[in-house]
Each structure stands twice: as structure tokens, then as C-alpha cells.
């Protein structure tokens, strides 16, 4: 397990086990990075003056690496894939079109469509051009078609894009915020078998259980 208590560690991971930090931890486990975790509770800890210097939004996950600060889950996934090229999580530069396309499709249209639907935000037909994703059904159908075309979102190989997309699909199906579409269930089963996913999930589940004791 790459989690360390060393204060000399070059990678610091600010998170809460009941947050999108689960996505970033999966990415950290996939690249095999040694990291020191700082667990922040919602409220004062995330809004402290010290933490706001790192992330003015006052939210997790946030990663500090060699003096650089990375926020936003999609950016963290992409950064770690580049920072640890030996992990093979980023295609070479000539083959990144699909990788970038679906990584940012999920960070933009997919997440916005899911959140709006979960919050009961009703986007009228004549407003669809304004929201950037059109409508919820169009977004899910578009992702479904891509997942039927290849085993992973950017082709035949698992990439950092699958960490982000896979997290949305896994959570969406589990919590009911994503309706089932062809290819979703198979894809979720495929990515959840990753050793990195299982290792990350185990850590966060243990942290959650410890809080509840």
C-alpha cells in the first residue's frame, strides 16, 4: 500500500473518504505513487485559512506534488498519468484524442447532466443549447454507444480516463443517479476488478468504518 506517514513524502493527498476523493485515491493506487494522506472533515477543516491557501474552493480532493497543487478530479487523474508515465495510464501523444475527449466529456456534460437531474433541475427544450450537455438522455446514450464500441472508454487499454468515467458509472448505477444503458453494467464490472480500484476502495471503507465506531 503506497500510503505513508512520512513527513518527507513528495505527494500529499487531502481527502475525505466520503467524497470525490475516492476517485483521486483510485488514481494514486493505479500509478503506484507513495503518498501521505491528510483526512479533512467537512466544515472548519476544509475552510481553514491554511487549506484555503491550497484550494480556495475549500474542497477535496486536492493533491500537492513537489510544490505543485492539483485540484479537480479529472485534472488529478490526467496529471498523475503524466507524472508517472511508467503506469501506462496515458496514451502516447499521437493517440490521445479519444482519451481527452471522454475524460472531459465526463467532467463536463456527464457530471452536469447527472447532478442537475439529481437536484431536480428541469432544463426545458429551448434551454438545451445553454447547458452544454443538451439533455440527460442524450448524454447517457452517447456514453453508452462509446462503451459498446470498445472495452474501455478510449479504446482497448485501460487509461486514466477510465478512472474518472468508471467512477461516474459505478457510483451512478449504485446510487441510482444514472439510468441503465447498454454497456454500462459490463463496463462497471470490468473496471471494478482493477487491483488499484479494490485497494483504494478498501482504504476508504476502513476510514469510513473507523469514523462510525
N, C-alpha and C. Protein backbone atom coordinates (compact mmCIF):
# COMPACT_ATOMS: atom_id res chain seq x y z
N UNK A 1 0.86 -1.20 0.00
CA UNK A 1 0.00 0.00 0.00
C UNK A 1 0.89 1.24 0.00
N UNK A 2 0.68 2.19 -0.91
CA UNK A 2 1.57 3.34 -1.01
C UNK A 2 1.31 4.44 0.00
N UNK A 3 0.32 4.31 0.87
CA UNK A 3 0.08 5.33 1.88
C UNK A 3 1.23 5.32 2.88
N UNK A 4 1.76 6.49 3.20
CA UNK A 4 2.87 6.57 4.13
C UNK A 4 2.60 7.64 5.17
N UNK A 5 3.29 7.54 6.30
CA UNK A 5 3.18 8.56 7.34
C UNK A 5 4.38 9.50 7.32
N UNK A 6 5.27 9.29 6.37
CA UNK A 6 6.48 10.10 6.29
C UNK A 6 6.16 11.56 6.00
N UNK A 7 6.76 12.45 6.75
CA UNK A 7 6.55 13.88 6.51
C UNK A 7 7.40 14.38 5.35
N UNK A 8 8.30 13.52 4.86
CA UNK A 8 9.17 13.89 3.73
C UNK A 8 8.58 13.48 2.39
N UNK A 9 7.40 12.89 2.40
CA UNK A 9 6.79 12.41 1.17
C UNK A 9 6.52 13.57 0.21
N UNK A 10 6.82 13.37 -1.07
CA UNK A 10 6.64 14.42 -2.07
C UNK A 10 5.20 14.57 -2.53
N UNK A 11 4.33 13.62 -2.17
CA UNK A 11 2.93 13.63 -2.59
C UNK A 11 2.04 13.67 -1.35
N UNK A 12 1.23 14.72 -1.23
CA UNK A 12 0.29 14.83 -0.12
C UNK A 12 -1.12 14.85 -0.70
N UNK A 13 -1.95 14.00 -0.17
CA UNK A 13 -3.31 13.80 -0.67
C UNK A 13 -4.30 14.25 0.40
N UNK A 14 -5.00 15.35 0.12
CA UNK A 14 -6.02 15.87 1.02
C UNK A 14 -7.37 15.32 0.59
N UNK A 15 -8.05 14.67 1.50
CA UNK A 15 -9.28 13.98 1.10
C UNK A 15 -10.21 13.78 2.28
N UNK A 16 -11.36 13.25 1.97
CA UNK A 16 -12.32 12.74 2.94
C UNK A 16 -12.85 11.45 2.31
N UNK A 17 -12.92 10.36 3.05
CA UNK A 17 -13.33 9.09 2.43
C UNK A 17 -14.74 9.11 1.86
N UNK A 18 -15.56 10.05 2.30
CA UNK A 18 -16.92 10.16 1.79
C UNK A 18 -17.01 11.37 0.85
N UNK A 19 -16.19 11.32 -0.17
CA UNK A 19 -16.13 12.43 -1.12
C UNK A 19 -15.62 11.92 -2.47
N UNK A 20 -15.50 12.85 -3.43
CA UNK A 20 -14.90 12.52 -4.72
C UNK A 20 -13.43 12.17 -4.58
N UNK A 21 -12.91 12.33 -3.38
CA UNK A 21 -11.54 11.90 -3.12
C UNK A 21 -11.34 10.43 -3.43
N UNK A 22 -12.40 9.65 -3.43
CA UNK A 22 -12.29 8.24 -3.80
C UNK A 22 -11.76 8.09 -5.23
N UNK A 23 -12.11 9.03 -6.10
CA UNK A 23 -11.61 8.97 -7.48
C UNK A 23 -10.11 9.19 -7.50
N UNK A 24 -9.66 10.21 -6.79
CA UNK A 24 -8.23 10.53 -6.77
C UNK A 24 -7.43 9.41 -6.11
N UNK A 25 -7.97 8.81 -5.06
CA UNK A 25 -7.24 7.71 -4.42
C UNK A 25 -7.08 6.53 -5.38
N UNK A 26 -8.12 6.26 -6.16
CA UNK A 26 -8.03 5.19 -7.15
C UNK A 26 -6.89 5.51 -8.12
N UNK A 27 -6.81 6.75 -8.57
CA UNK A 27 -5.74 7.15 -9.49
C UNK A 27 -4.36 6.99 -8.83
N UNK A 28 -4.25 7.39 -7.58
CA UNK A 28 -2.98 7.25 -6.87
C UNK A 28 -2.56 5.79 -6.75
N UNK A 29 -3.53 4.93 -6.46
CA UNK A 29 -3.23 3.50 -6.36
C UNK A 29 -2.84 2.92 -7.71
N UNK A 30 -3.49 3.36 -8.78
CA UNK A 30 -3.18 2.85 -10.11
C UNK A 30 -1.76 3.20 -10.55
N UNK A 31 -1.31 4.42 -10.22
CA UNK A 31 0.04 4.81 -10.64
C UNK A 31 1.11 4.30 -9.68
N UNK A 32 0.69 3.80 -8.52
CA UNK A 32 1.64 3.26 -7.56
C UNK A 32 2.43 4.31 -6.82
N UNK A 33 1.89 5.52 -6.72
CA UNK A 33 2.60 6.61 -6.05
C UNK A 33 2.57 6.45 -4.54
N UNK A 34 3.68 6.73 -3.90
CA UNK A 34 3.69 6.81 -2.44
C UNK A 34 3.13 8.17 -2.06
N UNK A 35 2.20 8.20 -1.15
CA UNK A 35 1.59 9.47 -0.77
C UNK A 35 1.23 9.49 0.70
N UNK A 36 1.24 10.69 1.24
CA UNK A 36 0.79 10.90 2.62
C UNK A 36 -0.61 11.48 2.57
N UNK A 37 -1.52 10.88 3.29
CA UNK A 37 -2.90 11.36 3.27
C UNK A 37 -3.18 12.29 4.45
N UNK A 38 -3.96 13.31 4.16
CA UNK A 38 -4.44 14.23 5.18
C UNK A 38 -5.97 14.19 5.10
N UNK A 39 -6.60 13.60 6.10
CA UNK A 39 -8.05 13.47 6.12
C UNK A 39 -8.67 14.74 6.70
N UNK A 40 -9.50 15.39 5.91
CA UNK A 40 -10.15 16.63 6.34
C UNK A 40 -11.64 16.39 6.53
N UNK A 41 -12.15 16.87 7.64
CA UNK A 41 -13.58 16.78 7.87
C UNK A 41 -14.28 17.94 7.18
N UNK A 42 -15.53 17.73 6.83
CA UNK A 42 -16.32 18.81 6.23
C UNK A 42 -16.53 19.90 7.28
N UNK A 43 -16.50 21.13 6.83
CA UNK A 43 -16.71 22.24 7.76
C UNK A 43 -15.42 23.01 7.97
N UNK A 44 -15.06 23.21 9.24
CA UNK A 44 -13.94 24.08 9.57
C UNK A 44 -12.62 23.64 8.96
N UNK A 45 -12.36 22.35 8.93
CA UNK A 45 -11.07 21.86 8.42
C UNK A 45 -10.88 22.21 6.94
N UNK A 46 -11.93 22.03 6.16
CA UNK A 46 -11.82 22.33 4.73
C UNK A 46 -11.85 23.83 4.45
N UNK A 47 -12.36 24.61 5.39
CA UNK A 47 -12.44 26.05 5.20
C UNK A 47 -11.39 26.80 6.01
N UNK A 48 -10.42 26.07 6.53
CA UNK A 48 -9.38 26.71 7.32
C UNK A 48 -8.51 27.59 6.43
N UNK A 49 -7.90 28.58 7.04
CA UNK A 49 -7.04 29.51 6.30
C UNK A 49 -5.89 28.76 5.63
N UNK A 50 -5.34 27.78 6.33
CA UNK A 50 -4.21 27.01 5.79
C UNK A 50 -4.61 26.24 4.54
N UNK A 51 -5.76 25.55 4.61
CA UNK A 51 -6.16 24.74 3.45
C UNK A 51 -6.64 25.61 2.29
N UNK A 52 -7.27 26.73 2.59
CA UNK A 52 -7.74 27.61 1.52
C UNK A 52 -6.59 28.20 0.71
N UNK A 53 -5.39 28.21 1.27
CA UNK A 53 -4.23 28.65 0.50
C UNK A 53 -3.90 27.63 -0.60
N UNK A 54 -4.23 26.37 -0.35
CA UNK A 54 -4.01 25.33 -1.35
C UNK A 54 -5.17 25.26 -2.33
N UNK A 55 -6.36 25.28 -1.79
CA UNK A 55 -7.55 25.18 -2.63
C UNK A 55 -8.58 26.22 -2.16
N UNK A 56 -8.64 27.36 -2.83
CA UNK A 56 -9.56 28.43 -2.41
C UNK A 56 -11.02 28.01 -2.41
N UNK A 57 -11.35 26.90 -3.11
CA UNK A 57 -12.71 26.39 -3.10
C UNK A 57 -13.04 25.70 -1.78
N UNK A 58 -12.00 25.35 -1.02
CA UNK A 58 -12.23 24.69 0.27
C UNK A 58 -12.87 23.34 0.13
N UNK A 59 -12.35 22.53 -0.80
CA UNK A 59 -12.95 21.22 -1.01
C UNK A 59 -11.87 20.20 -1.34
N UNK A 60 -12.24 18.95 -1.21
CA UNK A 60 -11.35 17.85 -1.56
C UNK A 60 -11.96 17.10 -2.75
N UNK A 61 -11.09 16.36 -3.47
CA UNK A 61 -9.67 16.11 -3.23
C UNK A 61 -8.78 17.24 -3.72
N UNK A 62 -7.63 17.31 -3.09
CA UNK A 62 -6.56 18.20 -3.50
C UNK A 62 -5.26 17.43 -3.35
N UNK A 63 -4.40 17.55 -4.34
CA UNK A 63 -3.11 16.85 -4.30
C UNK A 63 -1.99 17.87 -4.42
N UNK A 64 -0.99 17.75 -3.54
CA UNK A 64 0.21 18.58 -3.61
C UNK A 64 1.38 17.66 -3.95
N UNK A 65 2.08 17.98 -5.03
CA UNK A 65 3.17 17.13 -5.50
C UNK A 65 4.37 17.99 -5.87
N UNK A 66 5.44 17.84 -5.12
CA UNK A 66 6.66 18.60 -5.40
C UNK A 66 6.38 20.10 -5.47
N UNK A 67 5.54 20.59 -4.58
CA UNK A 67 5.24 22.01 -4.54
C UNK A 67 4.16 22.46 -5.49
N UNK A 68 3.66 21.57 -6.33
CA UNK A 68 2.57 21.90 -7.25
C UNK A 68 1.25 21.43 -6.66
N UNK A 69 0.19 22.19 -6.87
CA UNK A 69 -1.13 21.84 -6.34
C UNK A 69 -2.06 21.51 -7.49
N UNK A 70 -2.72 20.38 -7.39
CA UNK A 70 -3.66 19.94 -8.42
C UNK A 70 -5.01 19.71 -7.75
N UNK A 71 -6.05 20.32 -8.30
CA UNK A 71 -7.41 20.10 -7.83
C UNK A 71 -8.24 19.62 -9.01
N UNK A 72 -9.48 19.26 -8.76
CA UNK A 72 -10.45 18.77 -9.74
C UNK A 72 -10.06 17.34 -10.17
N UNK A 73 -11.00 16.43 -9.99
CA UNK A 73 -10.70 15.01 -10.15
C UNK A 73 -10.17 14.65 -11.54
N UNK A 74 -10.77 15.20 -12.58
CA UNK A 74 -10.30 14.87 -13.93
C UNK A 74 -8.87 15.34 -14.12
N UNK A 75 -8.55 16.54 -13.61
CA UNK A 75 -7.19 17.07 -13.72
C UNK A 75 -6.22 16.22 -12.92
N UNK A 76 -6.62 15.76 -11.75
CA UNK A 76 -5.75 14.91 -10.93
C UNK A 76 -5.46 13.60 -11.66
N UNK A 77 -6.47 13.01 -12.25
CA UNK A 77 -6.27 11.76 -13.00
C UNK A 77 -5.28 11.96 -14.14
N UNK A 78 -5.48 13.03 -14.92
CA UNK A 78 -4.61 13.30 -16.06
C UNK A 78 -3.19 13.63 -15.60
N UNK A 79 -3.07 14.42 -14.54
CA UNK A 79 -1.76 14.81 -14.03
C UNK A 79 -0.97 13.59 -13.57
N UNK A 80 -1.60 12.72 -12.78
CA UNK A 80 -0.91 11.55 -12.26
C UNK A 80 -0.47 10.62 -13.38
N UNK A 81 -1.30 10.48 -14.41
CA UNK A 81 -0.92 9.64 -15.54
C UNK A 81 0.33 10.17 -16.23
N UNK A 82 0.46 11.50 -16.32
CA UNK A 82 1.64 12.11 -16.94
C UNK A 82 2.84 12.10 -16.01
N UNK A 83 2.60 12.31 -14.70
CA UNK A 83 3.69 12.35 -13.74
C UNK A 83 4.32 10.98 -13.50
N UNK A 84 3.53 9.93 -13.77
CA UNK A 84 4.02 8.56 -13.59
C UNK A 84 3.81 7.79 -14.90
N UNK A 85 4.57 8.12 -15.94
CA UNK A 85 4.36 7.51 -17.26
C UNK A 85 4.54 6.00 -17.27
N UNK A 86 5.34 5.49 -16.33
CA UNK A 86 5.55 4.05 -16.27
C UNK A 86 4.27 3.28 -15.96
N UNK A 87 3.25 3.97 -15.46
CA UNK A 87 1.97 3.32 -15.16
C UNK A 87 1.20 2.97 -16.42
N UNK A 88 1.53 3.63 -17.53
CA UNK A 88 0.83 3.36 -18.79
C UNK A 88 -0.60 3.84 -18.82
N UNK A 89 -0.94 4.80 -17.96
CA UNK A 89 -2.34 5.26 -17.88
C UNK A 89 -2.67 6.37 -18.87
N UNK A 90 -1.66 6.88 -19.59
CA UNK A 90 -1.92 7.91 -20.60
C UNK A 90 -1.40 7.40 -21.95
N UNK A 91 -2.22 7.43 -22.99
CA UNK A 91 -1.74 7.02 -24.32
C UNK A 91 -0.62 7.96 -24.77
N UNK A 92 0.16 7.54 -25.75
CA UNK A 92 1.16 8.45 -26.28
C UNK A 92 0.46 9.63 -26.95
N UNK A 93 1.20 10.69 -27.19
CA UNK A 93 0.60 11.94 -27.66
C UNK A 93 -0.16 11.79 -28.96
N UNK A 94 0.25 10.86 -29.81
CA UNK A 94 -0.43 10.67 -31.09
C UNK A 94 -1.77 9.96 -30.95
N UNK A 95 -2.04 9.43 -29.76
CA UNK A 95 -3.25 8.63 -29.57
C UNK A 95 -4.09 9.12 -28.39
N UNK A 96 -4.07 10.43 -28.16
CA UNK A 96 -4.79 10.96 -27.00
C UNK A 96 -6.13 11.59 -27.34
N UNK A 97 -6.53 11.55 -28.58
CA UNK A 97 -7.79 12.22 -28.94
C UNK A 97 -8.98 11.65 -28.17
N UNK A 98 -9.17 10.34 -28.22
CA UNK A 98 -10.29 9.71 -27.52
C UNK A 98 -10.13 9.85 -26.01
N UNK A 99 -8.92 9.74 -25.55
CA UNK A 99 -8.61 9.86 -24.12
C UNK A 99 -9.06 11.21 -23.59
N UNK A 100 -8.63 12.29 -24.24
CA UNK A 100 -9.05 13.63 -23.80
C UNK A 100 -10.55 13.83 -24.00
N UNK A 101 -11.05 13.35 -25.12
CA UNK A 101 -12.47 13.56 -25.43
C UNK A 101 -13.37 13.04 -24.33
N UNK A 102 -13.14 11.79 -23.92
CA UNK A 102 -14.07 11.17 -22.97
C UNK A 102 -13.77 11.55 -21.53
N UNK A 103 -12.53 11.88 -21.24
CA UNK A 103 -12.21 12.38 -19.91
C UNK A 103 -12.96 13.68 -19.64
N UNK A 104 -12.92 14.59 -20.61
CA UNK A 104 -13.56 15.89 -20.40
C UNK A 104 -15.05 15.87 -20.74
N UNK A 105 -15.49 14.93 -21.54
CA UNK A 105 -16.93 14.73 -21.71
C UNK A 105 -17.55 14.38 -20.36
N UNK A 106 -16.86 13.54 -19.60
CA UNK A 106 -17.40 13.11 -18.31
C UNK A 106 -17.27 14.19 -17.25
N UNK A 107 -16.19 15.00 -17.35
CA UNK A 107 -16.04 16.10 -16.39
C UNK A 107 -17.01 17.23 -16.67
N UNK A 108 -17.49 17.32 -17.92
CA UNK A 108 -18.42 18.38 -18.30
C UNK A 108 -19.84 17.88 -18.45
N UNK A 109 -20.24 17.48 -19.65
CA UNK A 109 -21.63 17.10 -19.89
C UNK A 109 -22.17 16.00 -18.97
N UNK A 110 -21.38 14.93 -18.76
CA UNK A 110 -21.90 13.82 -17.96
C UNK A 110 -22.18 14.23 -16.52
N UNK A 111 -21.20 14.84 -15.85
CA UNK A 111 -21.41 15.20 -14.45
C UNK A 111 -22.50 16.25 -14.32
N UNK A 112 -22.52 17.23 -15.22
CA UNK A 112 -23.54 18.27 -15.14
C UNK A 112 -24.94 17.70 -15.32
N UNK A 113 -25.09 16.79 -16.27
CA UNK A 113 -26.40 16.18 -16.52
C UNK A 113 -26.87 15.37 -15.32
N UNK A 114 -25.96 14.61 -14.72
CA UNK A 114 -26.31 13.77 -13.57
C UNK A 114 -26.69 14.63 -12.36
N UNK A 115 -25.87 15.64 -12.09
CA UNK A 115 -26.12 16.50 -10.92
C UNK A 115 -27.44 17.26 -11.08
N UNK A 116 -27.65 17.82 -12.26
CA UNK A 116 -28.90 18.57 -12.48
C UNK A 116 -30.12 17.69 -12.30
N UNK A 117 -30.04 16.48 -12.84
CA UNK A 117 -31.18 15.57 -12.69
C UNK A 117 -31.39 15.18 -11.23
N UNK A 118 -30.30 14.94 -10.51
CA UNK A 118 -30.40 14.56 -9.11
C UNK A 118 -30.99 15.69 -8.26
N UNK A 119 -30.71 16.94 -8.66
CA UNK A 119 -31.21 18.09 -7.93
C UNK A 119 -32.60 18.52 -8.39
N UNK A 120 -33.13 17.84 -9.39
CA UNK A 120 -34.45 18.19 -9.89
C UNK A 120 -34.47 19.43 -10.75
N UNK A 121 -33.31 19.77 -11.34
CA UNK A 121 -33.24 20.93 -12.23
C UNK A 121 -33.86 20.56 -13.57
N UNK A 122 -34.89 21.25 -13.94
CA UNK A 122 -35.62 20.96 -15.17
C UNK A 122 -35.13 21.88 -16.29
N UNK A 123 -34.43 21.29 -17.24
CA UNK A 123 -33.93 22.06 -18.39
C UNK A 123 -34.94 21.92 -19.53
N UNK A 124 -35.54 23.01 -19.90
CA UNK A 124 -36.53 23.00 -20.97
C UNK A 124 -35.85 22.82 -22.32
N UNK A 125 -36.63 22.34 -23.28
CA UNK A 125 -36.06 22.03 -24.60
C UNK A 125 -35.38 23.24 -25.22
N UNK A 126 -35.97 24.41 -25.06
CA UNK A 126 -35.38 25.60 -25.68
C UNK A 126 -34.18 26.13 -24.89
N UNK A 127 -33.83 25.47 -23.76
CA UNK A 127 -32.67 25.86 -22.98
C UNK A 127 -31.49 24.89 -23.15
N UNK A 128 -31.70 23.83 -23.92
CA UNK A 128 -30.70 22.77 -24.01
C UNK A 128 -29.37 23.25 -24.57
N UNK A 129 -29.41 24.22 -25.47
CA UNK A 129 -28.15 24.72 -26.02
C UNK A 129 -27.34 25.49 -24.98
N UNK A 130 -28.01 26.01 -23.96
CA UNK A 130 -27.33 26.82 -22.95
C UNK A 130 -26.57 25.97 -21.94
N UNK A 131 -27.05 24.76 -21.65
CA UNK A 131 -26.45 23.99 -20.57
C UNK A 131 -25.22 23.20 -21.01
N UNK A 132 -24.98 23.09 -22.30
CA UNK A 132 -23.76 22.44 -22.76
C UNK A 132 -23.87 20.94 -22.96
N UNK A 133 -24.83 20.30 -22.32
CA UNK A 133 -24.95 18.85 -22.47
C UNK A 133 -26.22 18.43 -23.21
N UNK A 134 -27.03 19.38 -23.61
CA UNK A 134 -28.25 19.02 -24.32
C UNK A 134 -29.30 18.53 -23.34
N UNK A 135 -29.36 17.22 -23.16
CA UNK A 135 -30.27 16.66 -22.18
C UNK A 135 -29.71 15.36 -21.62
N UNK A 136 -30.26 14.95 -20.51
CA UNK A 136 -29.77 13.78 -19.76
C UNK A 136 -29.74 12.52 -20.62
N UNK A 137 -30.82 12.25 -21.33
CA UNK A 137 -30.88 11.03 -22.14
C UNK A 137 -29.83 11.03 -23.24
N UNK A 138 -29.61 12.17 -23.86
CA UNK A 138 -28.61 12.26 -24.92
C UNK A 138 -27.22 11.96 -24.38
N UNK A 139 -26.90 12.47 -23.21
CA UNK A 139 -25.59 12.23 -22.61
C UNK A 139 -25.38 10.75 -22.33
N UNK A 140 -26.36 10.10 -21.69
CA UNK A 140 -26.22 8.69 -21.36
C UNK A 140 -26.16 7.83 -22.61
N UNK A 141 -26.96 8.16 -23.60
CA UNK A 141 -26.95 7.38 -24.84
C UNK A 141 -25.62 7.51 -25.56
N UNK A 142 -25.04 8.71 -25.52
CA UNK A 142 -23.75 8.94 -26.16
C UNK A 142 -22.65 8.12 -25.49
N UNK A 143 -22.63 8.12 -24.16
CA UNK A 143 -21.64 7.33 -23.44
C UNK A 143 -21.86 5.84 -23.68
N UNK A 144 -23.11 5.43 -23.69
CA UNK A 144 -23.43 4.02 -23.93
C UNK A 144 -22.88 3.54 -25.26
N UNK A 145 -23.05 4.33 -26.30
CA UNK A 145 -22.56 3.95 -27.62
C UNK A 145 -21.05 3.78 -27.60
N UNK A 146 -20.36 4.67 -26.91
CA UNK A 146 -18.90 4.56 -26.86
C UNK A 146 -18.47 3.29 -26.12
N UNK A 147 -19.15 2.97 -25.04
CA UNK A 147 -18.77 1.79 -24.25
C UNK A 147 -19.12 0.49 -24.96
N UNK A 148 -20.00 0.56 -25.93
CA UNK A 148 -20.30 -0.62 -26.74
C UNK A 148 -19.28 -0.81 -27.85
N UNK A 149 -18.53 0.26 -28.15
CA UNK A 149 -17.56 0.20 -29.24
C UNK A 149 -16.22 -0.41 -28.84
N UNK A 150 -15.89 -0.32 -27.54
CA UNK A 150 -14.58 -0.80 -27.08
C UNK A 150 -14.67 -1.17 -25.61
N UNK A 151 -13.75 -2.01 -25.13
CA UNK A 151 -13.82 -2.43 -23.73
C UNK A 151 -13.58 -1.30 -22.74
N UNK A 152 -12.78 -0.31 -23.15
CA UNK A 152 -12.53 0.84 -22.30
C UNK A 152 -12.90 2.11 -23.04
N UNK A 153 -13.03 3.21 -22.33
CA UNK A 153 -13.64 4.40 -22.91
C UNK A 153 -12.81 4.99 -24.04
N UNK A 154 -11.48 4.78 -24.01
CA UNK A 154 -10.63 5.34 -25.06
C UNK A 154 -10.02 4.27 -25.95
N UNK A 155 -10.54 3.06 -25.89
CA UNK A 155 -10.03 2.00 -26.76
C UNK A 155 -9.87 0.69 -26.04
N UNK A 156 -8.85 -0.05 -26.43
CA UNK A 156 -8.65 -1.40 -25.89
C UNK A 156 -7.90 -1.42 -24.57
N UNK A 157 -7.26 -0.30 -24.20
CA UNK A 157 -6.45 -0.26 -23.00
C UNK A 157 -7.09 0.61 -21.92
N UNK A 158 -6.96 0.18 -20.68
CA UNK A 158 -7.41 0.98 -19.53
C UNK A 158 -6.51 2.20 -19.41
N UNK A 159 -7.12 3.38 -19.23
CA UNK A 159 -6.36 4.62 -19.07
C UNK A 159 -6.90 5.41 -17.88
N UNK A 160 -6.25 6.53 -17.59
CA UNK A 160 -6.72 7.40 -16.51
C UNK A 160 -8.13 7.89 -16.76
N UNK A 161 -8.53 7.98 -18.03
CA UNK A 161 -9.90 8.39 -18.34
C UNK A 161 -10.90 7.41 -17.77
N UNK A 162 -10.54 6.13 -17.72
CA UNK A 162 -11.45 5.12 -17.18
C UNK A 162 -11.62 5.25 -15.68
N UNK A 163 -10.62 5.81 -15.00
CA UNK A 163 -10.78 6.05 -13.56
C UNK A 163 -11.90 7.04 -13.33
N UNK A 164 -11.89 8.10 -14.11
CA UNK A 164 -12.89 9.14 -13.93
C UNK A 164 -14.26 8.70 -14.46
N UNK A 165 -14.28 8.19 -15.69
CA UNK A 165 -15.55 7.73 -16.27
C UNK A 165 -16.10 6.56 -15.46
N UNK A 166 -15.21 5.63 -15.12
CA UNK A 166 -15.64 4.46 -14.37
C UNK A 166 -16.24 4.81 -13.02
N UNK A 167 -15.67 5.81 -12.36
CA UNK A 167 -16.22 6.24 -11.07
C UNK A 167 -17.63 6.76 -11.22
N UNK A 168 -17.88 7.54 -12.27
CA UNK A 168 -19.23 8.04 -12.51
C UNK A 168 -20.21 6.90 -12.76
N UNK A 169 -19.80 5.94 -13.57
CA UNK A 169 -20.70 4.83 -13.90
C UNK A 169 -20.95 3.97 -12.66
N UNK A 170 -19.90 3.65 -11.92
CA UNK A 170 -20.06 2.83 -10.73
C UNK A 170 -20.95 3.50 -9.70
N UNK A 171 -20.69 4.77 -9.41
CA UNK A 171 -21.50 5.48 -8.43
C UNK A 171 -22.91 5.71 -8.95
N UNK A 172 -23.00 6.06 -10.23
CA UNK A 172 -24.31 6.36 -10.80
C UNK A 172 -25.25 5.17 -10.74
N UNK A 173 -24.73 3.99 -11.07
CA UNK A 173 -25.56 2.78 -11.04
C UNK A 173 -25.86 2.38 -9.59
N UNK A 174 -24.88 2.56 -8.70
CA UNK A 174 -25.08 2.16 -7.31
C UNK A 174 -26.13 3.03 -6.61
N UNK A 175 -26.05 4.34 -6.85
CA UNK A 175 -26.95 5.27 -6.17
C UNK A 175 -28.19 5.61 -6.98
N UNK A 176 -28.28 5.08 -8.19
CA UNK A 176 -29.48 5.30 -8.99
C UNK A 176 -29.54 6.64 -9.70
N UNK A 177 -28.42 7.37 -9.74
CA UNK A 177 -28.43 8.67 -10.42
C UNK A 177 -28.19 8.53 -11.92
N UNK A 178 -27.78 7.34 -12.35
CA UNK A 178 -27.64 7.05 -13.78
C UNK A 178 -28.56 5.89 -14.14
N UNK A 179 -29.36 6.09 -15.14
CA UNK A 179 -30.20 5.01 -15.62
C UNK A 179 -29.34 4.01 -16.39
N UNK A 180 -29.74 2.76 -16.34
CA UNK A 180 -29.00 1.72 -17.04
C UNK A 180 -29.09 1.91 -18.54
N UNK A 181 -27.98 1.72 -19.20
CA UNK A 181 -27.90 1.74 -20.65
C UNK A 181 -27.06 0.55 -21.10
N UNK A 182 -27.20 0.11 -22.35
CA UNK A 182 -26.37 -0.99 -22.85
C UNK A 182 -24.89 -0.68 -22.67
N UNK A 183 -24.16 -1.64 -22.13
CA UNK A 183 -22.73 -1.49 -21.94
C UNK A 183 -22.32 -0.99 -20.57
N UNK A 184 -23.22 -0.35 -19.83
CA UNK A 184 -22.85 0.22 -18.54
C UNK A 184 -22.48 -0.87 -17.52
N UNK A 185 -23.31 -1.87 -17.40
CA UNK A 185 -23.09 -2.89 -16.39
C UNK A 185 -21.80 -3.66 -16.64
N UNK A 186 -21.55 -3.99 -17.90
CA UNK A 186 -20.34 -4.74 -18.26
C UNK A 186 -19.10 -3.88 -18.00
N UNK A 187 -19.18 -2.63 -18.34
CA UNK A 187 -18.05 -1.72 -18.13
C UNK A 187 -17.76 -1.55 -16.64
N UNK A 188 -18.80 -1.38 -15.85
CA UNK A 188 -18.63 -1.23 -14.41
C UNK A 188 -17.96 -2.46 -13.81
N UNK A 189 -18.38 -3.63 -14.25
CA UNK A 189 -17.79 -4.87 -13.74
C UNK A 189 -16.32 -4.96 -14.14
N UNK A 190 -16.01 -4.51 -15.34
CA UNK A 190 -14.64 -4.59 -15.86
C UNK A 190 -13.69 -3.70 -15.06
N UNK A 191 -14.06 -2.45 -14.86
CA UNK A 191 -13.14 -1.53 -14.19
C UNK A 191 -13.06 -1.80 -12.68
N UNK A 192 -14.12 -2.33 -12.10
CA UNK A 192 -14.11 -2.58 -10.65
C UNK A 192 -13.26 -3.79 -10.27
N UNK A 193 -12.77 -4.53 -11.26
CA UNK A 193 -11.88 -5.65 -10.99
C UNK A 193 -10.42 -5.22 -10.94
N UNK A 194 -10.16 -3.95 -11.24
CA UNK A 194 -8.80 -3.44 -11.22
C UNK A 194 -8.22 -3.52 -9.79
N UNK A 195 -7.00 -4.04 -9.63
CA UNK A 195 -6.39 -4.06 -8.29
C UNK A 195 -6.31 -2.67 -7.66
N UNK A 196 -6.06 -1.64 -8.49
CA UNK A 196 -5.99 -0.28 -7.97
C UNK A 196 -7.31 0.17 -7.39
N UNK A 197 -8.39 -0.18 -8.06
CA UNK A 197 -9.72 0.18 -7.56
C UNK A 197 -10.00 -0.52 -6.24
N UNK A 198 -9.71 -1.80 -6.19
CA UNK A 198 -10.01 -2.56 -4.98
C UNK A 198 -9.16 -2.09 -3.80
N UNK A 199 -7.90 -1.74 -4.05
CA UNK A 199 -7.02 -1.26 -2.99
C UNK A 199 -7.52 0.09 -2.45
N UNK A 200 -7.89 0.98 -3.36
CA UNK A 200 -8.38 2.30 -2.95
C UNK A 200 -9.69 2.18 -2.18
N UNK A 201 -10.57 1.33 -2.67
CA UNK A 201 -11.87 1.15 -2.01
C UNK A 201 -11.70 0.60 -0.60
N UNK A 202 -10.75 -0.31 -0.43
CA UNK A 202 -10.50 -0.89 0.88
C UNK A 202 -10.06 0.18 1.87
N UNK A 203 -9.16 1.06 1.45
CA UNK A 203 -8.67 2.12 2.33
C UNK A 203 -9.81 3.03 2.76
N UNK A 204 -10.60 3.49 1.78
CA UNK A 204 -11.69 4.41 2.12
C UNK A 204 -12.77 3.74 2.96
N UNK A 205 -13.06 2.48 2.70
CA UNK A 205 -14.04 1.78 3.52
C UNK A 205 -13.57 1.64 4.96
N UNK A 206 -12.28 1.40 5.15
CA UNK A 206 -11.73 1.29 6.50
C UNK A 206 -11.80 2.64 7.22
N UNK A 207 -11.52 3.71 6.50
CA UNK A 207 -11.60 5.04 7.11
C UNK A 207 -13.04 5.40 7.50
N UNK A 208 -13.98 5.03 6.64
CA UNK A 208 -15.39 5.31 6.93
C UNK A 208 -15.85 4.51 8.15
N UNK A 209 -15.44 3.23 8.18
CA UNK A 209 -15.83 2.37 9.30
C UNK A 209 -15.24 2.89 10.62
N UNK A 210 -14.00 3.40 10.57
CA UNK A 210 -13.37 3.91 11.77
C UNK A 210 -14.10 5.14 12.30
N UNK A 211 -14.62 5.97 11.40
CA UNK A 211 -15.35 7.16 11.81
C UNK A 211 -16.67 6.80 12.49
N UNK A 212 -17.24 5.67 12.08
CA UNK A 212 -18.55 5.28 12.58
C UNK A 212 -18.50 4.53 13.89
N UNK A 213 -17.29 4.16 14.31
CA UNK A 213 -17.17 3.41 15.57
C UNK A 213 -17.40 4.29 16.79
